[in-house]
Protein backbone atom coordinates (compact mmCIF):
# COMPACT_ATOMS: atom_id res chain seq x y z
CA GLN A 1 -30.14 17.90 -7.03
CA VAL A 2 -26.41 17.61 -6.71
CA GLY A 3 -25.08 17.84 -3.16
CA LYS A 4 -28.44 17.50 -1.42
CA GLU A 5 -28.84 13.71 -1.40
CA PRO A 6 -26.54 10.75 -1.99
CA ASN A 7 -26.51 9.81 -5.65
CA GLU A 8 -25.57 6.17 -6.28
CA GLU A 9 -25.06 6.66 -10.02
CA PHE A 10 -22.62 9.53 -9.46
CA GLU A 11 -20.80 7.57 -6.74
CA ALA A 12 -20.32 4.56 -9.02
CA ARG A 13 -19.09 6.70 -11.93
CA PHE A 14 -16.72 8.64 -9.68
CA PHE A 15 -15.14 5.59 -8.06
CA ASN A 16 -14.98 3.64 -11.34
CA ASP A 17 -13.04 6.61 -12.72
CA GLN A 18 -10.77 6.50 -9.67
CA VAL A 19 -9.93 2.85 -10.47
CA LEU A 20 -8.93 3.92 -13.99
CA LEU A 21 -6.73 6.65 -12.52
CA LEU A 22 -5.17 4.26 -10.01
CA ASP A 23 -4.23 1.86 -12.80
CA HIS A 24 -2.92 4.68 -14.99
CA MET A 25 -0.62 5.93 -12.21
CA PHE A 26 1.08 2.50 -12.20
CA VAL A 27 0.55 1.54 -15.85
CA HIS A 28 4.21 0.63 -16.38
CA ARG A 29 4.28 -2.05 -13.71
CA MET A 30 5.85 -5.19 -15.15
CA ALA A 31 3.35 -7.96 -15.79
CA GLY A 32 5.99 -10.60 -15.07
CA ILE A 33 6.43 -9.26 -11.55
CA GLU A 34 2.71 -8.55 -11.13
CA GLY A 35 1.89 -12.19 -11.77
CA LYS A 36 -1.44 -13.68 -12.83
CA ASP A 37 -2.63 -15.26 -9.59
CA GLY A 38 -5.68 -13.05 -9.02
CA ASN A 39 -3.90 -10.55 -6.76
CA PRO A 40 -5.20 -6.98 -6.28
CA LEU A 41 -3.02 -5.69 -9.15
CA ASN A 42 -4.69 -8.19 -11.47
CA GLU A 43 -8.10 -7.21 -10.13
CA VAL A 44 -7.50 -3.53 -10.92
CA ARG A 45 -6.29 -4.46 -14.42
CA VAL A 46 -9.42 -6.58 -15.02
CA LEU A 47 -11.72 -3.87 -13.62
CA CYS A 48 -10.22 -1.25 -15.94
CA ASN A 49 -10.50 -3.46 -19.00
CA SER A 50 -14.09 -4.26 -18.04
CA ILE A 51 -15.01 -0.59 -17.58
CA LEU A 52 -13.33 0.54 -20.78
CA LEU A 53 -13.90 -2.38 -23.15
CA ASN A 54 -16.92 -4.34 -21.90
CA LYS A 55 -19.48 -1.65 -21.06
CA GLY A 56 -18.79 -1.92 -17.34
CA LYS A 57 -19.48 -5.66 -17.08
CA LEU A 58 -16.76 -7.70 -15.38
CA GLN A 59 -14.80 -9.62 -18.01
CA VAL A 60 -11.87 -11.78 -16.95
CA GLU A 61 -11.39 -13.77 -20.18
CA LYS A 62 -10.44 -12.14 -23.47
CA LEU A 63 -13.34 -10.98 -25.61
CA PRO A 64 -13.50 -12.17 -29.23
CA GLY A 65 -12.02 -9.53 -31.50
CA TRP A 66 -10.53 -7.60 -28.56
CA PRO A 67 -7.07 -9.10 -27.91
CA GLU A 68 -6.31 -6.54 -25.19
CA SER A 69 -9.68 -6.88 -23.45
CA ALA A 70 -8.38 -8.99 -20.57
CA GLY A 71 -5.11 -10.06 -19.08
CA SER A 72 -3.87 -13.27 -20.59
CA SER A 73 -4.37 -16.20 -18.23
CA ILE A 74 -5.22 -14.13 -15.13
CA LYS A 75 -6.81 -16.31 -12.47
CA LEU A 76 -9.29 -14.01 -10.71
CA SER A 77 -11.70 -16.01 -8.60
CA PRO A 78 -14.60 -14.08 -7.07
CA GLU A 79 -14.04 -15.76 -3.70
CA GLN A 80 -10.44 -14.53 -3.39
CA SER A 81 -10.90 -11.13 -5.03
CA ILE A 82 -11.33 -7.90 -3.11
CA LEU A 83 -14.71 -6.94 -4.59
CA LYS A 84 -16.11 -10.50 -5.00
CA LEU A 85 -17.46 -9.67 -8.47
CA ARG A 86 -18.31 -12.46 -10.92
CA PRO A 87 -17.96 -12.33 -14.71
CA GLY A 88 -20.91 -10.39 -16.11
CA ASP A 89 -21.52 -8.41 -12.90
CA ASP A 90 -21.79 -4.64 -13.24
CA VAL A 91 -18.65 -2.82 -12.12
CA GLN A 92 -20.10 -0.10 -9.90
CA LEU A 93 -17.75 0.73 -7.08
CA ARG A 94 -18.81 2.51 -3.93
CA GLU A 95 -16.48 4.46 -1.67
CA ALA A 96 -15.95 1.52 0.69
CA ASP A 97 -15.14 -0.75 -2.29
CA PHE A 98 -12.55 1.68 -3.58
CA VAL A 99 -10.93 2.10 -0.16
CA ARG A 100 -10.59 -1.70 0.26
CA LEU A 101 -9.27 -2.07 -3.28
CA CYS A 102 -6.71 0.74 -2.83
CA LYS A 103 -5.39 -0.66 0.43
CA ALA A 104 -4.92 -4.08 -1.12
CA PHE A 105 -3.46 -2.61 -4.34
CA PHE A 106 -0.83 -0.54 -2.52
CA ALA A 107 0.05 -3.41 -0.19
CA GLU A 108 0.64 -5.61 -3.25
CA ILE A 109 2.70 -2.88 -4.96
CA GLU A 110 4.92 -2.64 -1.89
CA LYS A 111 5.27 -6.41 -1.63
CA LYS A 112 6.13 -7.04 -5.27
CA TYR A 113 8.09 -3.98 -6.31
CA GLN A 114 10.43 -3.24 -3.42
């Protein structure tokens, strides 16, 4: 029943959708300024592409036949990323994941676009 008990599936869908919204709000950020060094802006871009184009499985490299499926040459190492996901992992954010990701994303926006 909705609202009576925590629902992990709903939580993951909700916060995955919030990542898509976060990216959309800043969709016109310039890739040249964003860089490709695995920063939080890159991580959000990769997460969105993975959710939308790879059935929710983390995909950093371009998929065959999907030229827009990943950022070209983005270096996103699991060890230095916010969520520590590896290629092929399910993208299923929890509230704490989204909060950490947002804080890092906005800090990077302020650093790069001021």
